[in-house]
N, C-alpha and C. Protein backbone atom coordinates (compact mmCIF):
# COMPACT_ATOMS: atom_id res chain seq x y z
N MET A 1 43.52 -38.14 -52.33
CA MET A 1 42.27 -38.30 -51.55
C MET A 1 42.60 -38.28 -50.11
N TYR A 2 43.70 -38.96 -49.61
CA TYR A 2 43.96 -38.90 -48.30
C TYR A 2 44.35 -37.61 -47.81
N PHE A 3 44.96 -36.76 -48.66
CA PHE A 3 45.31 -35.46 -48.38
C PHE A 3 44.02 -34.57 -48.13
N PHE A 4 42.95 -34.75 -48.87
CA PHE A 4 41.72 -34.00 -48.80
C PHE A 4 41.06 -34.46 -47.44
N ILE A 5 41.03 -35.65 -47.11
CA ILE A 5 40.52 -36.18 -45.79
C ILE A 5 41.27 -35.61 -44.61
N ALA A 6 42.56 -35.48 -44.71
CA ALA A 6 43.37 -35.01 -43.63
C ALA A 6 43.01 -33.43 -43.48
N ILE A 7 42.92 -32.64 -44.63
CA ILE A 7 42.61 -31.28 -44.46
C ILE A 7 41.25 -31.06 -43.81
N ILE A 8 40.27 -31.84 -44.11
CA ILE A 8 38.90 -31.73 -43.55
C ILE A 8 39.00 -32.11 -42.11
N LEU A 9 39.80 -33.17 -41.55
CA LEU A 9 39.95 -33.54 -40.30
C LEU A 9 40.60 -32.45 -39.48
N ILE A 10 41.65 -31.81 -40.09
CA ILE A 10 42.32 -30.76 -39.32
C ILE A 10 41.28 -29.46 -39.23
N ALA A 11 40.56 -29.14 -40.27
CA ALA A 11 39.57 -28.17 -40.15
C ALA A 11 38.59 -28.47 -38.95
N GLU A 12 38.05 -29.60 -38.95
CA GLU A 12 37.11 -29.95 -37.85
C GLU A 12 37.69 -29.82 -36.59
N LEU A 13 38.99 -30.28 -36.37
CA LEU A 13 39.67 -30.04 -35.12
C LEU A 13 39.85 -28.64 -34.69
N ILE A 14 40.13 -27.79 -35.69
CA ILE A 14 40.34 -26.35 -35.47
C ILE A 14 38.93 -25.78 -34.99
N VAL A 15 37.78 -26.05 -35.65
CA VAL A 15 36.52 -25.61 -35.44
C VAL A 15 36.11 -26.12 -33.89
N ALA A 16 36.45 -27.40 -33.63
CA ALA A 16 36.16 -27.92 -32.36
C ALA A 16 36.85 -27.24 -31.27
N ILE A 17 38.14 -26.98 -31.41
CA ILE A 17 38.98 -26.32 -30.43
C ILE A 17 38.38 -24.92 -30.20
N ASN A 18 37.99 -24.21 -31.31
CA ASN A 18 37.50 -22.89 -31.19
C ASN A 18 36.17 -22.90 -30.29
N VAL A 19 35.34 -23.83 -30.60
CA VAL A 19 34.09 -24.06 -29.84
C VAL A 19 34.27 -24.35 -28.35
N ILE A 20 35.31 -25.25 -28.13
CA ILE A 20 35.61 -25.56 -26.78
C ILE A 20 36.14 -24.36 -25.99
N CYS A 21 36.98 -23.61 -26.72
CA CYS A 21 37.56 -22.45 -26.09
C CYS A 21 36.47 -21.34 -25.72
N LEU A 22 35.58 -21.24 -26.64
CA LEU A 22 34.47 -20.21 -26.52
C LEU A 22 33.54 -20.69 -25.33
N ILE A 23 33.25 -22.02 -25.30
CA ILE A 23 32.50 -22.48 -24.18
C ILE A 23 33.24 -22.27 -22.83
N ASN A 24 34.45 -22.49 -22.75
CA ASN A 24 35.34 -22.28 -21.65
C ASN A 24 35.22 -20.79 -21.16
N LYS A 25 35.39 -19.88 -22.08
CA LYS A 25 35.29 -18.44 -21.71
C LYS A 25 33.93 -18.12 -21.29
N LEU A 26 32.88 -18.55 -21.78
CA LEU A 26 31.47 -18.32 -21.35
C LEU A 26 31.32 -18.96 -20.00
N ASP A 27 31.84 -20.11 -19.75
CA ASP A 27 31.65 -20.73 -18.41
C ASP A 27 32.39 -19.86 -17.39
N LYS A 28 33.58 -19.26 -17.68
CA LYS A 28 34.25 -18.40 -16.64
C LYS A 28 33.40 -17.18 -16.48
N LYS A 29 32.88 -16.54 -17.51
CA LYS A 29 31.95 -15.41 -17.30
C LYS A 29 30.76 -15.69 -16.58
N ALA A 30 30.21 -16.77 -16.72
CA ALA A 30 28.99 -17.24 -16.13
C ALA A 30 29.23 -17.45 -14.56
N LEU A 31 30.49 -18.06 -14.30
CA LEU A 31 30.83 -18.25 -12.91
C LEU A 31 30.99 -16.89 -12.17
N ILE A 32 31.73 -15.85 -12.92
CA ILE A 32 31.87 -14.50 -12.32
C ILE A 32 30.54 -13.91 -12.03
N LEU A 33 29.59 -14.01 -13.06
CA LEU A 33 28.30 -13.46 -12.90
C LEU A 33 27.55 -14.11 -11.74
N ASN A 34 27.60 -15.34 -11.60
CA ASN A 34 27.03 -16.07 -10.49
C ASN A 34 27.47 -15.57 -9.23
N GLU A 35 28.80 -15.36 -9.05
CA GLU A 35 29.35 -14.89 -7.87
C GLU A 35 28.83 -13.44 -7.56
N GLN A 36 28.73 -12.67 -8.49
CA GLN A 36 28.20 -11.29 -8.25
C GLN A 36 26.72 -11.28 -7.72
N VAL A 37 26.00 -12.19 -8.34
CA VAL A 37 24.62 -12.36 -7.96
C VAL A 37 24.57 -12.90 -6.58
N LEU A 38 25.26 -13.78 -6.23
CA LEU A 38 25.39 -14.32 -4.87
C LEU A 38 25.70 -13.21 -3.80
N ASN A 39 26.64 -12.37 -4.26
CA ASN A 39 27.13 -11.28 -3.29
C ASN A 39 25.94 -10.17 -3.13
N VAL A 40 25.19 -9.95 -4.20
CA VAL A 40 24.07 -8.93 -4.15
C VAL A 40 22.78 -9.49 -3.61
N ARG A 41 22.73 -10.82 -3.52
CA ARG A 41 21.42 -11.48 -3.16
C ARG A 41 20.94 -10.99 -1.73
N PRO A 42 21.75 -10.86 -0.72
CA PRO A 42 21.27 -10.47 0.64
C PRO A 42 20.83 -9.03 0.59
N LYS A 43 21.35 -8.10 -0.19
CA LYS A 43 20.93 -6.79 -0.25
C LYS A 43 19.62 -6.77 -0.98
N MET A 44 19.51 -7.60 -2.06
CA MET A 44 18.23 -7.60 -2.79
C MET A 44 17.18 -8.11 -1.88
N HIS A 45 17.44 -9.08 -1.06
CA HIS A 45 16.45 -9.64 -0.03
C HIS A 45 15.93 -8.65 0.87
N SER A 46 16.95 -7.94 1.50
CA SER A 46 16.60 -6.97 2.52
C SER A 46 15.78 -5.68 1.84
N ALA A 47 16.21 -5.40 0.65
CA ALA A 47 15.55 -4.23 -0.12
C ALA A 47 14.03 -4.67 -0.35
N LEU A 48 13.81 -5.97 -0.81
CA LEU A 48 12.54 -6.40 -1.12
C LEU A 48 11.62 -6.53 0.10
N SER A 49 12.37 -7.04 1.18
CA SER A 49 11.51 -7.13 2.47
C SER A 49 11.13 -5.70 3.00
N SER A 50 12.03 -4.78 2.79
CA SER A 50 11.68 -3.32 3.12
C SER A 50 10.55 -2.79 2.28
N LEU A 51 10.54 -3.15 0.99
CA LEU A 51 9.56 -2.77 0.14
C LEU A 51 8.24 -3.35 0.50
N LYS A 52 8.27 -4.64 0.90
CA LYS A 52 7.02 -5.38 1.31
C LYS A 52 6.50 -4.71 2.58
N ASP A 53 7.31 -4.33 3.49
CA ASP A 53 6.88 -3.69 4.79
C ASP A 53 6.30 -2.42 4.44
N GLY A 54 6.90 -1.62 3.54
CA GLY A 54 6.39 -0.28 3.16
C GLY A 54 5.00 -0.39 2.57
N VAL A 55 4.81 -1.46 1.68
CA VAL A 55 3.50 -1.56 1.00
C VAL A 55 2.42 -1.93 2.04
N GLU A 56 2.75 -2.87 2.92
CA GLU A 56 1.82 -3.24 3.98
C GLU A 56 1.48 -2.04 4.88
N LYS A 57 2.33 -1.26 5.27
CA LYS A 57 2.07 -0.04 6.07
C LYS A 57 1.16 0.83 5.21
N LEU A 58 1.42 1.11 3.87
CA LEU A 58 0.50 1.84 3.05
C LEU A 58 -0.89 1.43 2.96
N VAL A 59 -0.92 0.16 2.95
CA VAL A 59 -2.27 -0.45 2.80
C VAL A 59 -3.00 -0.33 4.17
N LEU A 60 -2.30 -0.52 5.33
CA LEU A 60 -2.89 -0.23 6.58
C LEU A 60 -3.38 1.24 6.65
N GLY A 61 -2.51 2.14 6.22
CA GLY A 61 -2.74 3.52 6.34
C GLY A 61 -4.10 3.85 5.52
N VAL A 62 -4.13 3.35 4.31
CA VAL A 62 -5.31 3.66 3.38
C VAL A 62 -6.57 3.03 4.11
N HIS A 63 -6.39 1.88 4.62
CA HIS A 63 -7.55 1.26 5.36
C HIS A 63 -7.96 1.99 6.61
N GLY A 64 -7.13 2.45 7.40
CA GLY A 64 -7.42 3.42 8.47
C GLY A 64 -8.04 4.79 8.00
N LEU A 65 -7.60 5.28 7.01
CA LEU A 65 -8.15 6.52 6.44
C LEU A 65 -9.57 6.32 6.00
N CYS A 66 -9.83 5.12 5.29
CA CYS A 66 -11.23 4.78 4.90
C CYS A 66 -12.12 4.56 6.10
N LYS A 67 -11.63 4.05 7.13
CA LYS A 67 -12.40 3.82 8.35
C LYS A 67 -12.73 5.13 9.00
N TYR A 68 -11.73 6.01 9.00
CA TYR A 68 -11.89 7.44 9.66
C TYR A 68 -12.99 8.22 8.74
N ALA A 69 -12.77 8.08 7.55
CA ALA A 69 -13.78 8.79 6.59
C ALA A 69 -15.20 8.26 6.86
N GLU A 70 -15.35 6.98 7.06
CA GLU A 70 -16.67 6.42 7.29
C GLU A 70 -17.12 6.82 8.72
N LEU A 71 -16.31 6.91 9.62
CA LEU A 71 -16.76 7.36 10.91
C LEU A 71 -17.16 8.79 10.82
N LYS A 72 -16.39 9.70 10.24
CA LYS A 72 -16.77 11.10 10.17
C LYS A 72 -18.10 11.29 9.35
N LYS A 73 -18.28 10.39 8.32
CA LYS A 73 -19.50 10.51 7.53
C LYS A 73 -20.76 10.12 8.34
N ARG A 74 -20.60 9.14 9.16
CA ARG A 74 -21.69 8.82 10.06
C ARG A 74 -21.94 9.91 11.20
N GLU A 75 -20.88 10.47 11.71
CA GLU A 75 -20.97 11.54 12.67
C GLU A 75 -21.59 12.68 12.01
N TYR A 76 -21.20 13.07 10.83
CA TYR A 76 -21.88 14.35 10.33
C TYR A 76 -23.19 14.06 9.94
N ALA A 77 -23.62 12.89 9.47
CA ALA A 77 -24.95 12.60 9.17
C ALA A 77 -25.84 12.70 10.36
N LEU A 78 -25.30 12.23 11.55
CA LEU A 78 -26.14 12.26 12.83
C LEU A 78 -26.16 13.89 13.28
N ILE A 79 -25.19 14.49 13.01
CA ILE A 79 -25.17 15.94 13.43
C ILE A 79 -26.27 16.74 12.66
N ILE A 80 -26.24 16.41 11.17
CA ILE A 80 -27.16 17.13 10.26
C ILE A 80 -28.57 16.66 10.55
N ALA A 81 -28.81 15.40 10.88
CA ALA A 81 -30.18 15.00 11.19
C ALA A 81 -30.62 15.66 12.53
N ARG A 82 -29.78 15.67 13.54
CA ARG A 82 -30.21 16.37 14.75
C ARG A 82 -30.49 17.82 14.70
N ASN A 83 -29.62 18.48 13.78
CA ASN A 83 -29.97 19.96 13.59
C ASN A 83 -31.26 20.06 12.78
N ILE A 84 -31.58 19.19 11.76
CA ILE A 84 -32.80 19.41 10.98
C ILE A 84 -34.00 19.15 11.94
N LEU A 85 -33.89 18.13 12.89
CA LEU A 85 -35.06 17.89 13.83
C LEU A 85 -35.17 19.16 14.63
N LEU A 86 -34.09 19.65 15.18
CA LEU A 86 -33.99 20.82 16.12
C LEU A 86 -34.64 22.04 15.41
N TYR A 87 -34.26 22.29 14.14
CA TYR A 87 -34.92 23.35 13.54
C TYR A 87 -36.37 23.21 13.15
N LEU A 88 -36.69 22.02 12.85
CA LEU A 88 -38.18 21.76 12.60
C LEU A 88 -38.99 21.89 13.93
N LEU A 89 -38.35 21.43 15.05
CA LEU A 89 -39.01 21.72 16.29
C LEU A 89 -39.10 23.22 16.67
N LEU A 90 -37.97 23.87 16.37
CA LEU A 90 -38.02 25.40 16.63
C LEU A 90 -39.00 26.01 15.77
N PHE A 91 -39.07 25.61 14.50
CA PHE A 91 -40.07 26.29 13.62
C PHE A 91 -41.54 25.94 14.02
N THR A 92 -41.82 24.75 14.60
CA THR A 92 -43.15 24.52 15.05
C THR A 92 -43.43 25.18 16.43
N LEU A 93 -42.50 25.33 17.25
CA LEU A 93 -42.76 25.98 18.52
C LEU A 93 -42.47 27.47 18.60
N LYS A 94 -42.07 28.11 17.43
CA LYS A 94 -41.62 29.44 17.43
C LYS A 94 -42.67 30.43 17.93
N GLY A 95 -43.85 30.28 17.52
CA GLY A 95 -44.89 31.18 17.81
C GLY A 95 -45.47 30.98 19.25
N LYS A 96 -45.31 29.84 19.80
CA LYS A 96 -46.05 29.39 20.97
C LYS A 96 -45.24 29.87 22.17
N SER A 97 -43.87 29.48 22.23
CA SER A 97 -43.31 29.90 23.56
C SER A 97 -41.73 29.97 23.23
N LYS A 98 -41.17 31.15 23.69
CA LYS A 98 -39.69 31.28 23.59
C LYS A 98 -39.03 30.48 24.63
N LYS A 99 -39.64 30.26 25.71
CA LYS A 99 -38.93 29.52 26.83
C LYS A 99 -38.79 27.95 26.39
N CYS A 100 -39.72 27.47 25.61
CA CYS A 100 -39.50 26.04 25.14
C CYS A 100 -38.34 25.94 24.19
N VAL A 101 -38.16 26.89 23.34
CA VAL A 101 -36.98 27.07 22.42
C VAL A 101 -35.67 27.01 23.30
N SER A 102 -35.55 28.00 24.13
CA SER A 102 -34.32 28.05 25.08
C SER A 102 -34.06 26.68 25.75
N ALA A 103 -35.14 26.12 26.33
CA ALA A 103 -34.92 24.86 27.05
C ALA A 103 -34.46 23.74 26.06
N MET A 104 -35.03 23.72 24.80
CA MET A 104 -34.50 22.73 23.89
C MET A 104 -33.11 22.93 23.42
N GLN A 105 -32.68 24.17 23.15
CA GLN A 105 -31.37 24.42 22.93
C GLN A 105 -30.46 24.09 24.06
N LEU A 106 -30.89 24.36 25.30
CA LEU A 106 -29.97 24.07 26.43
C LEU A 106 -29.91 22.51 26.62
N ALA A 107 -30.99 21.76 26.30
CA ALA A 107 -30.93 20.25 26.39
C ALA A 107 -30.02 19.82 25.32
N VAL A 108 -29.98 20.33 24.04
CA VAL A 108 -29.09 19.69 23.08
C VAL A 108 -27.58 20.10 23.45
N VAL A 109 -27.31 21.25 24.02
CA VAL A 109 -26.01 21.68 24.33
C VAL A 109 -25.51 20.72 25.53
N LEU A 110 -26.38 20.48 26.43
CA LEU A 110 -26.03 19.52 27.49
C LEU A 110 -25.84 18.13 27.05
N LYS A 111 -26.65 17.61 26.12
CA LYS A 111 -26.37 16.27 25.49
C LYS A 111 -25.16 16.22 24.80
N ASP A 112 -24.64 17.22 23.98
CA ASP A 112 -23.50 17.37 23.28
C ASP A 112 -22.33 17.21 24.20
N CYS A 113 -22.45 18.01 25.31
CA CYS A 113 -21.36 17.97 26.30
C CYS A 113 -21.19 16.69 26.95
N TRP A 114 -22.34 16.04 27.14
CA TRP A 114 -22.41 14.72 27.76
C TRP A 114 -21.77 13.70 26.81
N ASP A 115 -22.04 13.76 25.53
CA ASP A 115 -21.56 12.83 24.69
C ASP A 115 -20.06 12.97 24.41
N LYS A 116 -19.59 14.28 24.45
CA LYS A 116 -18.13 14.41 24.24
C LYS A 116 -17.34 14.01 25.51
N GLY A 117 -17.94 14.18 26.69
CA GLY A 117 -17.27 13.73 27.89
C GLY A 117 -17.29 12.23 28.01
N THR A 118 -18.23 11.61 27.51
CA THR A 118 -18.18 10.15 27.63
C THR A 118 -17.45 9.37 26.48
N SER A 119 -17.30 10.12 25.36
CA SER A 119 -16.47 9.53 24.18
C SER A 119 -15.11 9.55 24.34
N CYS A 120 -14.52 10.19 25.36
CA CYS A 120 -13.05 10.39 25.49
C CYS A 120 -12.41 9.19 26.33
N ASN A 121 -13.11 8.18 26.53
CA ASN A 121 -12.62 6.99 27.34
C ASN A 121 -11.57 6.43 26.59
């Protein structure tokens, strides 16, 4: 019986030594991996900050593009409305006097030139 207990104790010691050796190997590998991660960390930080800056610039660009599109939409709507009013006025004054039509066209051209000159500030 003592022999059987001695064999079980030796087997448990062998298993315990194998487990301890395995834990020691894994600890060394974890330390090596941790060192590699610490070496790469500044590069990852700079890459992520560059990515963040790029995304912020992209968002600002899209926002600017939307503002520009809205500005052009309003500008073209005003131009279309002005042209419709001009042609309605021309249609109503067509038979009455050609001088009125020329005067209106001249007034519109002068106003456009005045608007373009003052908007360049």
